[in-house]
Amino acid sequence: MLKKVTMAVVLAVSLSGCVYHQWAYGPGTTKPFGQASGECKLAGLGSQQGFLAFGNSSYVAGAALGNALGNAVRANATYNACMEAQGFVAVDAVAR
């Protein structure tokens, strides 16, 4: 089970670096990028959820991994939505 969890984490981390975007000022932007990004990072951190799992250690470890991945996706989606609400526009870029 530990090998499966390790492989899932490695796969998730490696895929997360494939595509990213940068933010450009949109027509409704009123704040500097640093200030808006900081506020959105705080909003993303506040969007995480806890979990409760009962069972054997493999089940609890899997639940913890699933919760961690879900929280990472949720935080990223919250950050993106916040930046769009601040007036920024996502500009697609290729991975380096």
N, C-alpha and C. Protein backbone atom coordinates (compact mmCIF):
# COMPACT_ATOMS: atom_id res chain seq x y z
N MET A 1 0.82 -1.20 0.00
CA MET A 1 0.00 0.00 0.00
C MET A 1 0.87 1.26 0.00
N LEU A 2 1.98 1.22 0.73
CA LEU A 2 2.85 2.38 0.79
C LEU A 2 3.42 2.71 -0.58
N LYS A 3 3.71 1.69 -1.37
CA LYS A 3 4.22 1.93 -2.72
C LYS A 3 3.17 2.61 -3.59
N LYS A 4 1.91 2.20 -3.44
CA LYS A 4 0.84 2.80 -4.23
C LYS A 4 0.65 4.26 -3.85
N VAL A 5 0.69 4.55 -2.56
CA VAL A 5 0.53 5.93 -2.09
C VAL A 5 1.70 6.77 -2.59
N THR A 6 2.91 6.24 -2.50
CA THR A 6 4.08 6.97 -2.96
C THR A 6 4.00 7.26 -4.46
N MET A 7 3.59 6.28 -5.22
CA MET A 7 3.46 6.47 -6.67
C MET A 7 2.37 7.51 -6.99
N ALA A 8 1.28 7.48 -6.25
CA ALA A 8 0.21 8.45 -6.48
C ALA A 8 0.69 9.87 -6.18
N VAL A 9 1.46 10.04 -5.12
CA VAL A 9 1.98 11.36 -4.78
C VAL A 9 2.97 11.83 -5.84
N VAL A 10 3.87 10.96 -6.26
CA VAL A 10 4.84 11.31 -7.29
C VAL A 10 4.13 11.69 -8.59
N LEU A 11 3.13 10.94 -8.97
CA LEU A 11 2.38 11.23 -10.19
C LEU A 11 1.66 12.57 -10.08
N ALA A 12 1.01 12.81 -8.96
CA ALA A 12 0.29 14.07 -8.78
C ALA A 12 1.22 15.27 -8.81
N VAL A 13 2.36 15.15 -8.17
CA VAL A 13 3.32 16.25 -8.15
C VAL A 13 3.91 16.48 -9.53
N SER A 14 4.23 15.42 -10.23
CA SER A 14 4.82 15.59 -11.56
C SER A 14 3.82 16.16 -12.55
N LEU A 15 2.57 15.79 -12.45
CA LEU A 15 1.57 16.33 -13.37
C LEU A 15 1.21 17.78 -13.05
N SER A 16 1.38 18.18 -11.81
CA SER A 16 1.00 19.54 -11.45
C SER A 16 1.91 20.57 -12.08
N GLY A 17 3.10 20.19 -12.52
CA GLY A 17 4.02 21.13 -13.13
C GLY A 17 3.92 21.21 -14.64
N CYS A 18 3.01 20.48 -15.24
CA CYS A 18 2.93 20.43 -16.70
C CYS A 18 2.39 21.71 -17.30
N VAL A 19 1.37 22.27 -16.71
CA VAL A 19 0.72 23.45 -17.27
C VAL A 19 0.54 24.48 -16.16
N TYR A 20 0.81 25.70 -16.47
CA TYR A 20 0.56 26.78 -15.53
C TYR A 20 0.21 28.02 -16.33
N HIS A 21 -0.26 29.02 -15.67
CA HIS A 21 -0.54 30.27 -16.35
C HIS A 21 -0.04 31.43 -15.51
N GLN A 22 0.13 32.52 -16.18
CA GLN A 22 0.54 33.75 -15.53
C GLN A 22 -0.67 34.69 -15.52
N TRP A 23 -0.59 35.70 -14.68
CA TRP A 23 -1.69 36.64 -14.56
C TRP A 23 -1.31 37.98 -15.19
N ALA A 24 -2.23 38.53 -15.97
CA ALA A 24 -2.03 39.83 -16.60
C ALA A 24 -3.12 40.78 -16.09
N TYR A 25 -2.80 42.05 -16.08
CA TYR A 25 -3.79 43.04 -15.65
C TYR A 25 -4.94 43.08 -16.65
N GLY A 26 -6.15 43.00 -16.14
CA GLY A 26 -7.34 43.10 -16.97
C GLY A 26 -7.90 44.50 -16.92
N PRO A 27 -8.99 44.74 -17.63
CA PRO A 27 -9.56 46.09 -17.66
C PRO A 27 -10.14 46.53 -16.32
N GLY A 28 -10.51 45.59 -15.46
CA GLY A 28 -11.12 45.98 -14.18
C GLY A 28 -10.19 45.87 -13.00
N THR A 29 -8.90 45.74 -13.24
CA THR A 29 -7.94 45.57 -12.15
C THR A 29 -7.75 46.89 -11.41
N THR A 30 -7.87 46.83 -10.08
CA THR A 30 -7.72 48.04 -9.28
C THR A 30 -6.57 47.96 -8.29
N LYS A 31 -6.00 46.79 -8.07
CA LYS A 31 -4.94 46.61 -7.09
C LYS A 31 -3.65 46.19 -7.78
N PRO A 32 -2.51 46.47 -7.15
CA PRO A 32 -1.26 45.92 -7.68
C PRO A 32 -1.24 44.40 -7.57
N PHE A 33 -0.46 43.75 -8.43
CA PHE A 33 -0.44 42.29 -8.46
C PHE A 33 -0.07 41.69 -7.10
N GLY A 34 0.95 42.20 -6.46
CA GLY A 34 1.40 41.65 -5.19
C GLY A 34 0.33 41.66 -4.12
N GLN A 35 -0.39 42.73 -4.03
CA GLN A 35 -1.45 42.84 -3.03
C GLN A 35 -2.60 41.89 -3.35
N ALA A 36 -3.03 41.85 -4.59
CA ALA A 36 -4.12 40.96 -4.99
C ALA A 36 -3.72 39.50 -4.82
N SER A 37 -2.50 39.16 -5.21
CA SER A 37 -2.04 37.79 -5.08
C SER A 37 -1.96 37.37 -3.62
N GLY A 38 -1.49 38.24 -2.77
CA GLY A 38 -1.43 37.93 -1.34
C GLY A 38 -2.79 37.68 -0.74
N GLU A 39 -3.75 38.51 -1.10
CA GLU A 39 -5.12 38.32 -0.59
C GLU A 39 -5.70 36.99 -1.09
N CYS A 40 -5.41 36.66 -2.33
CA CYS A 40 -5.94 35.43 -2.90
C CYS A 40 -5.26 34.19 -2.33
N LYS A 41 -3.97 34.31 -2.00
CA LYS A 41 -3.29 33.20 -1.33
C LYS A 41 -3.92 32.93 0.03
N LEU A 42 -4.24 33.99 0.76
CA LEU A 42 -4.91 33.83 2.05
C LEU A 42 -6.28 33.18 1.89
N ALA A 43 -7.00 33.58 0.85
CA ALA A 43 -8.31 32.97 0.60
C ALA A 43 -8.15 31.49 0.27
N GLY A 44 -7.14 31.14 -0.50
CA GLY A 44 -6.88 29.74 -0.84
C GLY A 44 -6.53 28.91 0.38
N LEU A 45 -5.74 29.47 1.27
CA LEU A 45 -5.38 28.74 2.49
C LEU A 45 -6.60 28.51 3.38
N GLY A 46 -7.53 29.44 3.36
CA GLY A 46 -8.73 29.31 4.18
C GLY A 46 -9.76 28.37 3.60
N SER A 47 -9.55 27.88 2.39
CA SER A 47 -10.55 27.02 1.76
C SER A 47 -10.33 25.54 2.05
N GLN A 48 -9.27 25.21 2.79
CA GLN A 48 -8.97 23.81 3.04
C GLN A 48 -9.94 23.21 4.05
N GLN A 49 -10.19 21.91 3.90
CA GLN A 49 -11.11 21.20 4.77
C GLN A 49 -10.39 20.05 5.47
N GLY A 50 -10.84 19.73 6.64
CA GLY A 50 -10.29 18.60 7.38
C GLY A 50 -11.01 17.31 7.00
N PHE A 51 -10.63 16.22 7.65
CA PHE A 51 -11.28 14.95 7.38
C PHE A 51 -11.25 14.10 8.64
N LEU A 52 -12.08 13.10 8.65
CA LEU A 52 -12.15 12.15 9.75
C LEU A 52 -12.25 10.77 9.12
N ALA A 53 -11.36 9.87 9.52
CA ALA A 53 -11.36 8.53 8.94
C ALA A 53 -11.14 7.49 10.03
N PHE A 54 -11.92 6.44 9.98
CA PHE A 54 -11.77 5.31 10.88
C PHE A 54 -11.47 4.07 10.05
N GLY A 55 -10.64 3.21 10.55
CA GLY A 55 -10.33 1.98 9.84
C GLY A 55 -8.88 1.59 10.06
N ASN A 56 -8.41 0.71 9.21
CA ASN A 56 -7.01 0.29 9.36
C ASN A 56 -6.08 1.40 8.87
N SER A 57 -4.80 1.24 9.13
CA SER A 57 -3.84 2.30 8.82
C SER A 57 -3.76 2.60 7.33
N SER A 58 -3.93 1.61 6.48
CA SER A 58 -3.88 1.85 5.04
C SER A 58 -5.06 2.71 4.59
N TYR A 59 -6.22 2.44 5.15
CA TYR A 59 -7.40 3.23 4.78
C TYR A 59 -7.24 4.68 5.24
N VAL A 60 -6.77 4.87 6.47
CA VAL A 60 -6.61 6.21 7.00
C VAL A 60 -5.54 6.97 6.20
N ALA A 61 -4.46 6.29 5.83
CA ALA A 61 -3.42 6.93 5.02
C ALA A 61 -3.97 7.33 3.65
N GLY A 62 -4.78 6.48 3.05
CA GLY A 62 -5.39 6.81 1.76
C GLY A 62 -6.35 7.98 1.87
N ALA A 63 -7.10 8.01 2.97
CA ALA A 63 -8.03 9.12 3.19
C ALA A 63 -7.26 10.42 3.38
N ALA A 64 -6.13 10.35 4.10
CA ALA A 64 -5.31 11.55 4.31
C ALA A 64 -4.74 12.04 2.99
N LEU A 65 -4.27 11.13 2.15
CA LEU A 65 -3.73 11.51 0.85
C LEU A 65 -4.82 12.13 -0.03
N GLY A 66 -5.98 11.49 -0.06
CA GLY A 66 -7.08 12.04 -0.84
C GLY A 66 -7.49 13.41 -0.37
N ASN A 67 -7.51 13.61 0.94
CA ASN A 67 -7.86 14.92 1.49
C ASN A 67 -6.80 15.96 1.13
N ALA A 68 -5.53 15.58 1.20
CA ALA A 68 -4.46 16.51 0.85
C ALA A 68 -4.54 16.93 -0.61
N LEU A 69 -4.78 15.98 -1.50
CA LEU A 69 -4.90 16.30 -2.92
C LEU A 69 -6.13 17.18 -3.18
N GLY A 70 -7.24 16.84 -2.53
CA GLY A 70 -8.44 17.64 -2.68
C GLY A 70 -8.25 19.06 -2.18
N ASN A 71 -7.53 19.20 -1.06
CA ASN A 71 -7.26 20.54 -0.54
C ASN A 71 -6.37 21.34 -1.47
N ALA A 72 -5.39 20.68 -2.09
CA ALA A 72 -4.51 21.39 -3.03
C ALA A 72 -5.29 21.88 -4.25
N VAL A 73 -6.16 21.03 -4.76
CA VAL A 73 -7.00 21.42 -5.91
C VAL A 73 -7.95 22.55 -5.51
N ARG A 74 -8.55 22.44 -4.34
CA ARG A 74 -9.49 23.46 -3.85
C ARG A 74 -8.79 24.79 -3.64
N ALA A 75 -7.59 24.78 -3.05
CA ALA A 75 -6.84 26.01 -2.81
C ALA A 75 -6.47 26.69 -4.13
N ASN A 76 -6.05 25.90 -5.11
CA ASN A 76 -5.70 26.45 -6.42
C ASN A 76 -6.92 27.05 -7.11
N ALA A 77 -8.04 26.36 -7.06
CA ALA A 77 -9.27 26.88 -7.67
C ALA A 77 -9.73 28.16 -6.98
N THR A 78 -9.59 28.21 -5.66
CA THR A 78 -9.98 29.41 -4.92
C THR A 78 -9.07 30.57 -5.29
N TYR A 79 -7.77 30.31 -5.38
CA TYR A 79 -6.82 31.36 -5.77
C TYR A 79 -7.15 31.89 -7.16
N ASN A 80 -7.39 30.99 -8.11
CA ASN A 80 -7.71 31.41 -9.47
C ASN A 80 -8.99 32.23 -9.53
N ALA A 81 -10.02 31.78 -8.83
CA ALA A 81 -11.29 32.51 -8.82
C ALA A 81 -11.12 33.89 -8.18
N CYS A 82 -10.33 33.96 -7.13
CA CYS A 82 -10.09 35.24 -6.46
C CYS A 82 -9.34 36.21 -7.38
N MET A 83 -8.33 35.69 -8.09
CA MET A 83 -7.58 36.57 -9.00
C MET A 83 -8.48 37.08 -10.13
N GLU A 84 -9.36 36.23 -10.63
CA GLU A 84 -10.30 36.67 -11.66
C GLU A 84 -11.26 37.71 -11.10
N ALA A 85 -11.69 37.52 -9.86
CA ALA A 85 -12.59 38.50 -9.23
C ALA A 85 -11.89 39.83 -9.00
N GLN A 86 -10.57 39.81 -8.85
CA GLN A 86 -9.79 41.04 -8.66
C GLN A 86 -9.56 41.78 -9.98
N GLY A 87 -9.94 41.15 -11.10
CA GLY A 87 -9.82 41.78 -12.40
C GLY A 87 -8.65 41.30 -13.24
N PHE A 88 -7.89 40.31 -12.74
CA PHE A 88 -6.76 39.79 -13.50
C PHE A 88 -7.24 38.76 -14.50
N VAL A 89 -6.45 38.57 -15.55
CA VAL A 89 -6.78 37.64 -16.62
C VAL A 89 -5.67 36.60 -16.71
N ALA A 90 -6.05 35.33 -16.79
CA ALA A 90 -5.08 34.24 -16.90
C ALA A 90 -4.51 34.22 -18.32
N VAL A 91 -3.19 34.15 -18.43
CA VAL A 91 -2.50 34.08 -19.71
C VAL A 91 -1.79 32.75 -19.73
N ASP A 92 -2.14 31.89 -20.67
CA ASP A 92 -1.54 30.58 -20.74
C ASP A 92 -0.07 30.68 -21.14
N ALA A 93 0.73 29.82 -20.53
CA ALA A 93 2.15 29.75 -20.85
C ALA A 93 2.56 28.28 -20.84
N VAL A 94 3.62 27.96 -21.52
CA VAL A 94 4.11 26.60 -21.55
C VAL A 94 5.05 26.38 -20.38
N ALA A 95 5.13 25.11 -19.93
CA ALA A 95 6.03 24.78 -18.83
C ALA A 95 7.47 24.93 -19.28
N ARG A 96 8.31 25.34 -18.34
CA ARG A 96 9.73 25.53 -18.64
C ARG A 96 10.51 24.29 -18.44
